[in-house]
Amino acid sequence: MTKQRDPRLVYGMKPGIFVLIVIGSIVLIGILGIILSCGGCYTASPSPTSTAILPAALPTSTSSPTRTPKPTATTRPTEPTNTPTTTPTPTPEHTEANVVKIVDGDTISVDIDGELFTVRYIGIDCPESGDWMSAEATQANRDLVDGKAIYLEKDVSETDRYDRLLRYVFLADGSLVNAELVHLGYARSVAYPPDTKYQGLFEEKEQEARDAGRGIWGPTPTPRPPTSTPRPQTSTLRPPTATPRPPTAVPTAPAVVPTSPPPTAAPTSPPPAAVCDCSGNIYNCSDFPTHAQAQACYEYCISQGCGDIHRLDADNDGLACESLP
């Protein structure tokens, strides 16, 4: 007797199990299809990511403009700090002194350690008292040094024949007063050998003053005519003093011979020979006590062919140091 198959079995399996197998196979096929389709997507996607990285890396390399901080040449401000160091010059071989009096444009009185000295600026010459621009030169000297501490520098000579110290005069800031007076046009550059250390500087300053028309080089010689016109009256008085002597000799014929030689020898010959040295510009009007002695020196130097070497006749009227008594 044969057994009959159970009609509820499909392919030897229960219907429920068969359904699960069919559903599982369908799901598995779907998953494989998704995997296969997404596998192409994954292979294409990495290329854009790599391209995105490259541009990001390139700008990082361009950030090398870190070289811009190199223009930090802030060290330049140190240069101006070197310039003020040139000012404190009056220390090496200078003697400190205090100015107590202004004599004229190129002469002062100073106190050195409690002792008074007269100092004559060397290398320059200012107008003398009573001459044109003498007051301005004296005032310029006063504005520069009066009441101040100064520093004196010796060249070769210690003093002149009048025991005045021959010096270059410096201010505390290093300014050379001798050169400043020439630069302002209140002094001439005059060499007094052997003291000629700064003579080249003085000549440059004089040329600058000439070109600029400053001080004595200015176009204002108008004060000279008024001062020269009345003064010839003093010169006209001199001949009358000499003329009365011949009349006294006229009445007595024998007395004329002995009296005529002395007048010619007394007033002219001895004073110039005894007073004056015409080897260089070494005198100022302040060096003569009277006008007569200054005039004698002036005439003697002219007779020796030296001209007005001491510049005693500022207005060229033939009269020397007219301000003296």
C-alpha atoms as a PDB file:
ATOM      1  CA  MET A   1       0.000   0.000   0.000  1.00  0.00           C
ATOM      2  CA  THR A   2       1.564   3.298  -1.149  1.00  0.00           C
ATOM      3  CA  LYS A   3       1.737   6.472   1.020  1.00  0.00           C
ATOM      4  CA  GLN A   4       0.153   9.607  -0.337  1.00  0.00           C
ATOM      5  CA  ARG A   5       2.121  12.931  -0.389  1.00  0.00           C
ATOM      6  CA  ASP A   6       0.810  15.646   1.824  1.00  0.00           C
ATOM      7  CA  PRO A   7      -0.803  18.196  -0.498  1.00  0.00           C
ATOM      8  CA  ARG A   8       0.356  21.031   1.809  1.00  0.00           C
ATOM      9  CA  LEU A   9       3.988  20.403   0.922  1.00  0.00           C
ATOM     10  CA  VAL A  10       5.551  22.315  -2.013  1.00  0.00           C
ATOM     11  CA  TYR A  11       8.676  20.787  -3.344  1.00  0.00           C
ATOM     12  CA  GLY A  12       8.729  18.751  -0.233  1.00  0.00           C
ATOM     13  CA  MET A  13       8.576  21.879   1.967  1.00  0.00           C
ATOM     14  CA  LYS A  14       5.870  23.535   3.873  1.00  0.00           C
ATOM     15  CA  PRO A  15       4.349  26.521   2.089  1.00  0.00           C
ATOM     16  CA  GLY A  16       5.493  29.024   4.739  1.00  0.00           C
ATOM     17  CA  ILE A  17       9.099  28.030   4.436  1.00  0.00           C
ATOM     18  CA  PHE A  18       8.935  28.230   0.661  1.00  0.00           C
ATOM     19  CA  VAL A  19       7.565  31.739   0.823  1.00  0.00           C
ATOM     20  CA  LEU A  20      10.349  32.854   3.140  1.00  0.00           C
ATOM     21  CA  ILE A  21      12.966  31.414   0.798  1.00  0.00           C
ATOM     22  CA  VAL A  22      11.472  33.232  -2.191  1.00  0.00           C
ATOM     23  CA  ILE A  23      11.283  36.524  -0.312  1.00  0.00           C
ATOM     24  CA  GLY A  24      14.852  36.122   0.984  1.00  0.00           C
ATOM     25  CA  SER A  25      16.175  35.431  -2.485  1.00  0.00           C
ATOM     26  CA  ILE A  26      14.408  38.516  -3.844  1.00  0.00           C
ATOM     27  CA  VAL A  27      15.891  40.677  -1.066  1.00  0.00           C
ATOM     28  CA  LEU A  28      19.346  39.219  -1.665  1.00  0.00           C
ATOM     29  CA  ILE A  29      19.117  39.939  -5.399  1.00  0.00           C
ATOM     30  CA  GLY A  30      18.031  43.524  -4.638  1.00  0.00           C
ATOM     31  CA  ILE A  31      20.935  44.045  -2.252  1.00  0.00           C
ATOM     32  CA  LEU A  32      23.411  42.756  -4.819  1.00  0.00           C
ATOM     33  CA  GLY A  33      21.928  45.101  -7.416  1.00  0.00           C
ATOM     34  CA  ILE A  34      22.298  48.061  -5.084  1.00  0.00           C
ATOM     35  CA  ILE A  35      25.876  47.107  -4.254  1.00  0.00           C
ATOM     36  CA  LEU A  36      26.774  46.806  -7.894  1.00  0.00           C
ATOM     37  CA  SER A  37      25.161  50.124  -8.782  1.00  0.00           C
ATOM     38  CA  CYS A  38      26.742  52.001  -5.825  1.00  0.00           C
ATOM     39  CA  GLY A  39      30.163  50.469  -6.505  1.00  0.00           C
ATOM     40  CA  GLY A  40      30.454  52.682  -9.613  1.00  0.00           C
ATOM     41  CA  CYS A  41      29.474  55.714  -7.564  1.00  0.00           C
ATOM     42  CA  TYR A  42      32.190  55.069  -5.001  1.00  0.00           C
ATOM     43  CA  THR A  43      34.856  54.700  -7.663  1.00  0.00           C
ATOM     44  CA  ALA A  44      33.954  58.064  -9.265  1.00  0.00           C
ATOM     45  CA  SER A  45      33.585  60.033  -6.075  1.00  0.00           C
ATOM     46  CA  PRO A  46      37.228  60.027  -4.862  1.00  0.00           C
ATOM     47  CA  SER A  47      38.452  61.969  -7.903  1.00  0.00           C
ATOM     48  CA  PRO A  48      36.646  65.206  -6.987  1.00  0.00           C
ATOM     49  CA  THR A  49      37.824  64.939  -3.410  1.00  0.00           C
ATOM     50  CA  SER A  50      41.414  64.733  -4.585  1.00  0.00           C
ATOM     51  CA  THR A  51      40.956  67.732  -6.846  1.00  0.00           C
ATOM     52  CA  ALA A  52      39.520  69.694  -3.954  1.00  0.00           C
ATOM     53  CA  ILE A  53      42.584  69.012  -1.881  1.00  0.00           C
ATOM     54  CA  LEU A  54      45.014  70.330  -4.509  1.00  0.00           C
ATOM     55  CA  PRO A  55      43.639  73.865  -4.732  1.00  0.00           C
ATOM     56  CA  ALA A  56      43.567  74.004  -0.979  1.00  0.00           C
ATOM     57  CA  ALA A  57      47.216  73.092  -0.807  1.00  0.00           C
ATOM     58  CA  LEU A  58      48.270  75.611  -3.461  1.00  0.00           C
ATOM     59  CA  PRO A  59      47.136  78.736  -1.597  1.00  0.00           C
ATOM     60  CA  THR A  60      48.964  77.545   1.475  1.00  0.00           C
ATOM     61  CA  SER A  61      52.184  77.665  -0.533  1.00  0.00           C
ATOM     62  CA  THR A  62      51.371  81.184  -1.745  1.00  0.00           C
ATOM     63  CA  SER A  63      51.182  82.314   1.867  1.00  0.00           C
ATOM     64  CA  SER A  64      54.971  82.710   1.616  1.00  0.00           C
ATOM     65  CA  PRO A  65      54.550  86.535   1.552  1.00  0.00           C
ATOM     66  CA  THR A  66      55.921  86.257   5.029  1.00  0.00           C
ATOM     67  CA  ARG A  67      58.871  88.077   3.355  1.00  0.00           C
ATOM     68  CA  THR A  68      56.984  91.345   3.755  1.00  0.00           C
ATOM     69  CA  PRO A  69      58.139  91.836   7.364  1.00  0.00           C
ATOM     70  CA  LYS A  70      61.676  92.181   5.994  1.00  0.00           C
ATOM     71  CA  PRO A  71      61.191  95.911   5.351  1.00  0.00           C
ATOM     72  CA  THR A  72      61.483  96.258   9.103  1.00  0.00           C
ATOM     73  CA  ALA A  73      64.336  98.715   8.528  1.00  0.00           C
ATOM     74  CA  THR A  74      63.344 100.287  11.808  1.00  0.00           C
ATOM     75  CA  THR A  75      67.030 100.406  12.597  1.00  0.00           C
ATOM     76  CA  ARG A  76      67.199 103.705  10.667  1.00  0.00           C
ATOM     77  CA  PRO A  77      65.961 105.784  13.636  1.00  0.00           C
ATOM     78  CA  THR A  78      69.237 104.953  15.284  1.00  0.00           C
ATOM     79  CA  GLU A  79      71.031 107.133  12.711  1.00  0.00           C
ATOM     80  CA  PRO A  80      69.686 110.502  13.925  1.00  0.00           C
ATOM     81  CA  THR A  81      70.794 109.614  17.418  1.00  0.00           C
ATOM     82  CA  ASN A  82      74.385 109.778  16.161  1.00  0.00           C
ATOM     83  CA  THR A  83      74.169 113.419  14.986  1.00  0.00           C
ATOM     84  CA  PRO A  84      73.828 115.106  18.405  1.00  0.00           C
ATOM     85  CA  THR A  85      77.068 113.497  19.485  1.00  0.00           C
ATOM     86  CA  THR A  86      78.949 116.033  17.314  1.00  0.00           C
ATOM     87  CA  THR A  87      77.890 118.965  19.477  1.00  0.00           C
ATOM     88  CA  PRO A  88      79.951 118.458  22.659  1.00  0.00           C
ATOM     89  CA  THR A  89      83.260 119.384  21.016  1.00  0.00           C
ATOM     90  CA  PRO A  90      84.698 121.891  23.522  1.00  0.00           C
ATOM     91  CA  THR A  91      86.410 119.406  25.811  1.00  0.00           C
ATOM     92  CA  PRO A  92      89.753 118.078  24.512  1.00  0.00           C
ATOM     93  CA  GLU A  93      92.304 120.896  24.813  1.00  0.00           C
ATOM     94  CA  HIS A  94      90.096 123.841  25.689  1.00  0.00           C
ATOM     95  CA  THR A  95      90.210 126.069  28.745  1.00  0.00           C
ATOM     96  CA  GLU A  96      86.877 126.968  30.284  1.00  0.00           C
ATOM     97  CA  ALA A  97      86.261 130.642  31.050  1.00  0.00           C
ATOM     98  CA  ASN A  98      83.378 132.971  31.908  1.00  0.00           C
ATOM     99  CA  VAL A  99      82.828 136.167  29.937  1.00  0.00           C
ATOM    100  CA  VAL A 100      82.626 139.220  32.192  1.00  0.00           C
ATOM    101  CA  LYS A 101      82.958 142.097  29.692  1.00  0.00           C
ATOM    102  CA  ILE A 102      82.647 142.811  25.959  1.00  0.00           C
ATOM    103  CA  VAL A 103      85.428 145.189  24.884  1.00  0.00           C
ATOM    104  CA  ASP A 104      84.572 145.350  21.156  1.00  0.00           C
ATOM    105  CA  GLY A 105      83.739 143.057  18.270  1.00  0.00           C
ATOM    106  CA  ASP A 106      86.854 140.865  18.618  1.00  0.00           C
ATOM    107  CA  THR A 107      88.023 141.424  22.206  1.00  0.00           C
ATOM    108  CA  ILE A 108      86.536 140.286  25.534  1.00  0.00           C
ATOM    109  CA  SER A 109      87.448 140.050  29.210  1.00  0.00           C
ATOM    110  CA  VAL A 110      87.110 136.647  30.872  1.00  0.00           C
ATOM    111  CA  ASP A 111      87.416 135.042  34.278  1.00  0.00           C
ATOM    112  CA  ILE A 112      89.612 131.940  34.421  1.00  0.00           C
ATOM    113  CA  ASP A 113      89.722 130.323  37.854  1.00  0.00           C
ATOM    114  CA  GLY A 114      89.142 133.667  39.535  1.00  0.00           C
ATOM    115  CA  GLU A 115      91.718 135.600  37.485  1.00  0.00           C
ATOM    116  CA  LEU A 116      90.804 138.170  34.830  1.00  0.00           C
ATOM    117  CA  PHE A 117      92.281 138.059  31.331  1.00  0.00           C
ATOM    118  CA  THR A 118      91.759 139.998  28.111  1.00  0.00           C
ATOM    119  CA  VAL A 119      91.209 137.724  25.112  1.00  0.00           C
ATOM    120  CA  ARG A 120      91.751 138.782  21.492  1.00  0.00           C
ATOM    121  CA  TYR A 121      90.051 136.613  18.849  1.00  0.00           C
ATOM    122  CA  ILE A 122      92.675 135.420  16.382  1.00  0.00           C
ATOM    123  CA  GLY A 123      92.209 135.049  12.649  1.00  0.00           C
ATOM    124  CA  ILE A 124      89.629 137.852  12.351  1.00  0.00           C
ATOM    125  CA  ASP A 125      89.395 141.636  12.567  1.00  0.00           C
ATOM    126  CA  CYS A 126      86.249 143.643  13.428  1.00  0.00           C
ATOM    127  CA  PRO A 127      85.634 147.366  12.791  1.00  0.00           C
ATOM    128  CA  GLU A 128      87.212 149.551  15.449  1.00  0.00           C
ATOM    129  CA  SER A 129      85.337 151.812  17.818  1.00  0.00           C
ATOM    130  CA  GLY A 130      83.899 154.783  15.958  1.00  0.00           C
ATOM    131  CA  ASP A 131      84.206 153.120  12.544  1.00  0.00           C
ATOM    132  CA  TRP A 132      81.265 152.050  10.407  1.00  0.00           C
ATOM    133  CA  MET A 133      79.561 148.881  11.719  1.00  0.00           C
ATOM    134  CA  SER A 134      81.715 148.860  14.884  1.00  0.00           C
ATOM    135  CA  ALA A 135      78.663 149.136  17.142  1.00  0.00           C
ATOM    136  CA  GLU A 136      76.916 146.324  15.274  1.00  0.00           C
ATOM    137  CA  ALA A 137      80.013 144.106  15.529  1.00  0.00           C
ATOM    138  CA  THR A 138      80.276 144.746  19.269  1.00  0.00           C
ATOM    139  CA  GLN A 139      76.589 143.950  19.732  1.00  0.00           C
ATOM    140  CA  ALA A 140      76.919 140.746  17.714  1.00  0.00           C
ATOM    141  CA  ASN A 141      79.818 139.679  19.927  1.00  0.00           C
ATOM    142  CA  ARG A 142      77.749 140.518  22.995  1.00  0.00           C
ATOM    143  CA  ASP A 143      74.801 138.464  21.758  1.00  0.00           C
ATOM    144  CA  LEU A 144      77.076 135.476  21.187  1.00  0.00           C
ATOM    145  CA  VAL A 145      79.142 135.301  24.380  1.00  0.00           C
ATOM    146  CA  ASP A 146      78.161 137.890  27.006  1.00  0.00           C
ATOM    147  CA  GLY A 147      77.738 136.275  30.422  1.00  0.00           C
ATOM    148  CA  LYS A 148      78.262 132.771  29.039  1.00  0.00           C
ATOM    149  CA  ALA A 149      80.717 129.995  29.717  1.00  0.00           C
ATOM    150  CA  ILE A 150      83.132 129.692  26.793  1.00  0.00           C
ATOM    151  CA  TYR A 151      86.033 127.447  25.868  1.00  0.00           C
ATOM    152  CA  LEU A 152      89.377 128.873  24.735  1.00  0.00           C
ATOM    153  CA  GLU A 153      91.733 127.128  22.326  1.00  0.00           C
ATOM    154  CA  LYS A 154      95.340 128.246  21.810  1.00  0.00           C
ATOM    155  CA  ASP A 155      97.013 127.963  18.423  1.00  0.00           C
ATOM    156  CA  VAL A 156     100.765 128.694  18.548  1.00  0.00           C
ATOM    157  CA  SER A 157     101.148 132.075  20.235  1.00  0.00           C
ATOM    158  CA  GLU A 158     100.183 132.573  23.861  1.00  0.00           C
ATOM    159  CA  THR A 159      99.723 136.365  23.929  1.00  0.00           C
ATOM    160  CA  ASP A 160     100.267 139.422  21.738  1.00  0.00           C
ATOM    161  CA  ARG A 161     102.549 142.349  22.545  1.00  0.00           C
ATOM    162  CA  TYR A 162      99.808 143.814  24.763  1.00  0.00           C
ATOM    163  CA  ASP A 163      99.591 140.668  26.921  1.00  0.00           C
ATOM    164  CA  ARG A 164      96.182 139.732  25.533  1.00  0.00           C
ATOM    165  CA  LEU A 165      95.500 136.022  25.230  1.00  0.00           C
ATOM    166  CA  LEU A 166      95.279 134.983  21.579  1.00  0.00           C
ATOM    167  CA  ARG A 167      92.532 132.385  21.358  1.00  0.00           C
ATOM    168  CA  TYR A 168      89.835 130.684  19.345  1.00  0.00           C
ATOM    169  CA  VAL A 169      86.569 130.960  21.291  1.00  0.00           C
ATOM    170  CA  PHE A 170      84.037 128.110  21.374  1.00  0.00           C
ATOM    171  CA  LEU A 171      80.542 127.996  22.843  1.00  0.00           C
ATOM    172  CA  ALA A 172      79.201 125.016  24.778  1.00  0.00           C
ATOM    173  CA  ASP A 173      77.413 123.726  21.659  1.00  0.00           C
ATOM    174  CA  GLY A 174      80.705 123.630  19.734  1.00  0.00           C
ATOM    175  CA  SER A 175      80.163 126.833  17.712  1.00  0.00           C
ATOM    176  CA  LEU A 176      83.350 128.749  16.866  1.00  0.00           C
ATOM    177  CA  VAL A 177      82.643 132.398  17.699  1.00  0.00           C
ATOM    178  CA  ASN A 178      85.490 133.694  15.502  1.00  0.00           C
ATOM    179  CA  ALA A 179      83.944 132.019  12.454  1.00  0.00           C
ATOM    180  CA  GLU A 180      80.411 133.055  13.385  1.00  0.00           C
ATOM    181  CA  LEU A 181      81.343 136.760  13.465  1.00  0.00           C
ATOM    182  CA  VAL A 182      82.892 136.455  10.006  1.00  0.00           C
ATOM    183  CA  HIS A 183      79.824 134.541   8.765  1.00  0.00           C
ATOM    184  CA  LEU A 184      77.515 137.294  10.028  1.00  0.00           C
ATOM    185  CA  GLY A 185      79.570 139.893   8.171  1.00  0.00           C
ATOM    186  CA  TYR A 186      80.870 141.728  11.245  1.00  0.00           C
ATOM    187  CA  ALA A 187      84.505 140.657  10.866  1.00  0.00           C
ATOM    188  CA  ARG A 188      87.085 140.085   8.159  1.00  0.00           C
ATOM    189  CA  SER A 189      89.309 137.055   7.821  1.00  0.00           C
ATOM    190  CA  VAL A 190      92.840 138.275   8.616  1.00  0.00           C
ATOM    191  CA  ALA A 191      95.770 135.886   9.009  1.00  0.00           C
ATOM    192  CA  TYR A 192      98.101 136.423  11.942  1.00  0.00           C
ATOM    193  CA  PRO A 193     100.947 133.943  11.378  1.00  0.00           C
ATOM    194  CA  PRO A 194     101.785 131.560  12.878  1.00  0.00           C
ATOM    195  CA  ASP A 195      98.258 131.316  14.324  1.00  0.00           C
ATOM    196  CA  THR A 196      96.393 130.174  11.199  1.00  0.00           C
ATOM    197  CA  LYS A 197      94.806 126.850  12.188  1.00  0.00           C
ATOM    198  CA  TYR A 198      91.266 127.800  11.104  1.00  0.00           C
ATOM    199  CA  GLN A 199      92.149 130.418   8.489  1.00  0.00           C
ATOM    200  CA  GLY A 200      90.697 128.365   5.640  1.00  0.00           C
ATOM    201  CA  LEU A 201      87.354 128.202   7.460  1.00  0.00           C
ATOM    202  CA  PHE A 202      87.391 131.965   8.086  1.00  0.00           C
ATOM    203  CA  GLU A 203      88.047 132.671   4.402  1.00  0.00           C
ATOM    204  CA  GLU A 204      85.094 130.486   3.394  1.00  0.00           C
ATOM    205  CA  LYS A 205      82.818 132.273   5.861  1.00  0.00           C
ATOM    206  CA  GLU A 206      83.978 135.670   4.589  1.00  0.00           C
ATOM    207  CA  GLN A 207      83.191 134.700   1.007  1.00  0.00           C
ATOM    208  CA  GLU A 208      79.720 133.583   2.064  1.00  0.00           C
ATOM    209  CA  ALA A 209      79.141 136.914   3.835  1.00  0.00           C
ATOM    210  CA  ARG A 210      80.391 138.827   0.790  1.00  0.00           C
ATOM    211  CA  ASP A 211      78.089 136.909  -1.549  1.00  0.00           C
ATOM    212  CA  ALA A 212      75.110 137.476   0.750  1.00  0.00           C
ATOM    213  CA  GLY A 213      75.961 141.156   1.350  1.00  0.00           C
ATOM    214  CA  ARG A 214      75.848 140.803   5.122  1.00  0.00           C
ATOM    215  CA  GLY A 215      77.229 143.288   7.667  1.00  0.00           C
ATOM    216  CA  ILE A 216      80.259 145.230   6.453  1.00  0.00           C
ATOM    217  CA  TRP A 217      79.737 143.740   2.990  1.00  0.00           C
ATOM    218  CA  GLY A 218      76.221 145.139   2.721  1.00  0.00           C
ATOM    219  CA  PRO A 219      75.231 147.818   0.208  1.00  0.00           C
ATOM    220  CA  THR A 220      74.803 150.531   2.835  1.00  0.00           C
ATOM    221  CA  PRO A 221      77.949 152.676   2.982  1.00  0.00           C
ATOM    222  CA  THR A 222      75.762 155.754   3.487  1.00  0.00           C
ATOM    223  CA  PRO A 223      76.985 156.531   7.024  1.00  0.00           C
ATOM    224  CA  ARG A 224      80.496 157.226   5.717  1.00  0.00           C
ATOM    225  CA  PRO A 225      79.915 160.576   3.934  1.00  0.00           C
ATOM    226  CA  PRO A 226      78.320 162.325   6.943  1.00  0.00           C
ATOM    227  CA  THR A 227      81.107 161.223   9.258  1.00  0.00           C
ATOM    228  CA  SER A 228      83.830 162.263   6.833  1.00  0.00           C
ATOM    229  CA  THR A 229      82.541 165.761   6.056  1.00  0.00           C
ATOM    230  CA  PRO A 230      82.835 167.368   9.499  1.00  0.00           C
ATOM    231  CA  ARG A 231      86.067 165.611  10.378  1.00  0.00           C
ATOM    232  CA  PRO A 232      88.255 167.369   7.828  1.00  0.00           C
ATOM    233  CA  GLN A 233      87.773 170.450   9.984  1.00  0.00           C
ATOM    234  CA  THR A 234      89.945 168.811  12.610  1.00  0.00           C
ATOM    235  CA  SER A 235      92.603 168.191  10.008  1.00  0.00           C
ATOM    236  CA  THR A 236      92.515 171.791   8.827  1.00  0.00           C
ATOM    237  CA  LEU A 237      93.357 172.916  12.341  1.00  0.00           C
ATOM    238  CA  ARG A 238      96.703 171.186  12.197  1.00  0.00           C
ATOM    239  CA  PRO A 239      98.351 173.368   9.524  1.00  0.00           C
ATOM    240  CA  PRO A 240      97.610 176.570  11.491  1.00  0.00           C
ATOM    241  CA  THR A 241      99.468 175.090  14.455  1.00  0.00           C
ATOM    242  CA  ALA A 242     102.517 174.703  12.270  1.00  0.00           C
ATOM    243  CA  THR A 243     102.222 178.029  10.461  1.00  0.00           C
ATOM    244  CA  PRO A 244     102.509 180.337  13.504  1.00  0.00           C
ATOM    245  CA  ARG A 245     106.061 179.164  14.050  1.00  0.00           C
ATOM    246  CA  PRO A 246     107.557 180.668  10.849  1.00  0.00           C
ATOM    247  CA  PRO A 247     106.203 184.159  11.645  1.00  0.00           C
ATOM    248  CA  THR A 248     108.092 184.118  14.944  1.00  0.00           C
ATOM    249  CA  ALA A 249     111.279 183.409  13.029  1.00  0.00           C
ATOM    250  CA  VAL A 250     110.770 186.148  10.420  1.00  0.00           C
ATOM    251  CA  PRO A 251     111.650 189.261  12.496  1.00  0.00           C
ATOM    252  CA  THR A 252     115.064 187.994  13.492  1.00  0.00           C
ATOM    253  CA  ALA A 253     117.066 186.801  10.528  1.00  0.00           C
ATOM    254  CA  PRO A 254     119.734 184.963  12.556  1.00  0.00           C
ATOM    255  CA  ALA A 255     117.107 183.034  14.480  1.00  0.00           C
ATOM    256  CA  VAL A 256     115.470 181.640  11.340  1.00  0.00           C
ATOM    257  CA  VAL A 257     118.246 179.144  10.658  1.00  0.00           C
ATOM    258  CA  PRO A 258     118.223 177.302  14.012  1.00  0.00           C
ATOM    259  CA  THR A 259     114.448 177.227  14.413  1.00  0.00           C
ATOM    260  CA  SER A 260     113.523 175.865  10.948  1.00  0.00           C
ATOM    261  CA  PRO A 261     114.989 172.330  11.264  1.00  0.00           C
ATOM    262  CA  PRO A 262     113.297 171.313  14.550  1.00  0.00           C
ATOM    263  CA  PRO A 263     109.670 171.744  13.391  1.00  0.00           C
ATOM    264  CA  THR A 264     110.171 169.338  10.493  1.00  0.00           C
ATOM    265  CA  ALA A 265     111.874 166.665  12.564  1.00  0.00           C
ATOM    266  CA  ALA A 266     109.814 166.830  15.756  1.00  0.00           C
ATOM    267  CA  PRO A 267     106.229 166.082  14.675  1.00  0.00           C
ATOM    268  CA  THR A 268     106.780 163.457  11.979  1.00  0.00           C
ATOM    269  CA  SER A 269     109.981 161.447  12.208  1.00  0.00           C
ATOM    270  CA  PRO A 270     110.332 160.132  15.778  1.00  0.00           C
ATOM    271  CA  PRO A 271     106.764 158.999  16.571  1.00  0.00           C
ATOM    272  CA  PRO A 272     106.274 156.667  13.588  1.00  0.00           C
ATOM    273  CA  ALA A 273     109.649 155.018  14.011  1.00  0.00           C
ATOM    274  CA  ALA A 274     109.154 154.529  17.747  1.00  0.00           C
ATOM    275  CA  VAL A 275     105.502 153.426  17.803  1.00  0.00           C
ATOM    276  CA  CYS A 276     104.769 151.353  14.750  1.00  0.00           C
ATOM    277  CA  ASP A 277     105.486 147.906  13.340  1.00  0.00           C
ATOM    278  CA  CYS A 278     104.345 147.517   9.729  1.00  0.00           C
ATOM    279  CA  SER A 279     105.227 143.846   9.293  1.00  0.00           C
ATOM    280  CA  GLY A 280     101.571 142.757   9.583  1.00  0.00           C
ATOM    281  CA  ASN A 281      98.079 143.697  10.756  1.00  0.00           C
ATOM    282  CA  ILE A 282      98.757 143.693  14.485  1.00  0.00           C
ATOM    283  CA  TYR A 283      97.193 146.938  15.746  1.00  0.00           C
ATOM    284  CA  ASN A 284      93.650 148.093  16.472  1.00  0.00           C
ATOM    285  CA  CYS A 285      92.555 151.629  17.294  1.00  0.00           C
ATOM    286  CA  SER A 286      92.147 150.524  20.899  1.00  0.00           C
ATOM    287  CA  ASP A 287      95.903 149.893  21.005  1.00  0.00           C
ATOM    288  CA  PHE A 288      96.669 153.625  20.719  1.00  0.00           C
ATOM    289  CA  PRO A 289      95.956 156.056  23.565  1.00  0.00           C
ATOM    290  CA  THR A 290      95.594 159.082  21.257  1.00  0.00           C
ATOM    291  CA  HIS A 291      94.621 159.886  17.706  1.00  0.00           C
ATOM    292  CA  ALA A 292      98.048 161.468  17.122  1.00  0.00           C
ATOM    293  CA  GLN A 293      99.898 158.216  17.801  1.00  0.00           C
ATOM    294  CA  ALA A 294      97.518 156.231  15.621  1.00  0.00           C
ATOM    295  CA  GLN A 295      97.917 158.799  12.830  1.00  0.00           C
ATOM    296  CA  ALA A 296     101.701 158.648  13.143  1.00  0.00           C
ATOM    297  CA  CYS A 297     101.652 154.882  12.795  1.00  0.00           C
ATOM    298  CA  TYR A 298      99.261 155.116   9.857  1.00  0.00           C
ATOM    299  CA  GLU A 299     101.478 157.634   8.005  1.00  0.00           C
ATOM    300  CA  TYR A 300     104.646 155.716   8.776  1.00  0.00           C
ATOM    301  CA  CYS A 301     103.308 152.452   7.305  1.00  0.00           C
ATOM    302  CA  ILE A 302     102.200 154.286   4.180  1.00  0.00           C
ATOM    303  CA  SER A 303     105.653 155.854   3.835  1.00  0.00           C
ATOM    304  CA  GLN A 304     107.170 152.367   4.063  1.00  0.00           C
ATOM    305  CA  GLY A 305     105.034 151.179   1.160  1.00  0.00           C
ATOM    306  CA  CYS A 306     102.792 148.976   3.330  1.00  0.00           C
ATOM    307  CA  GLY A 307      99.649 151.062   2.976  1.00  0.00           C
ATOM    308  CA  ASP A 308      97.011 151.006   5.691  1.00  0.00           C
ATOM    309  CA  ILE A 309      98.090 147.531   6.786  1.00  0.00           C
ATOM    310  CA  HIS A 310      96.468 147.907  10.230  1.00  0.00           C
ATOM    311  CA  ARG A 311      93.212 149.216   8.736  1.00  0.00           C
ATOM    312  CA  LEU A 312      93.179 152.217  10.994  1.00  0.00           C
ATOM    313  CA  ASP A 313      91.486 154.425   8.370  1.00  0.00           C
ATOM    314  CA  ALA A 314      88.105 152.751   7.956  1.00  0.00           C
ATOM    315  CA  ASP A 315      86.499 155.433   5.781  1.00  0.00           C
ATOM    316  CA  ASN A 316      89.615 156.114   3.665  1.00  0.00           C
ATOM    317  CA  ASP A 317      89.714 159.834   4.388  1.00  0.00           C
ATOM    318  CA  GLY A 318      93.381 159.872   5.402  1.00  0.00           C
ATOM    319  CA  LEU A 319      92.655 160.091   9.134  1.00  0.00           C
ATOM    320  CA  ALA A 320      93.315 157.119  11.393  1.00  0.00           C
ATOM    321  CA  CYS A 321      91.240 156.192  14.445  1.00  0.00           C
ATOM    322  CA  GLU A 322      89.264 159.419  14.417  1.00  0.00           C
ATOM    323  CA  SER A 323      87.279 158.417  17.492  1.00  0.00           C
ATOM    324  CA  LEU A 324      90.396 158.649  19.705  1.00  0.00           C
ATOM    325  CA  PRO A 325      91.079 161.850  21.660  1.00  0.00           C
END
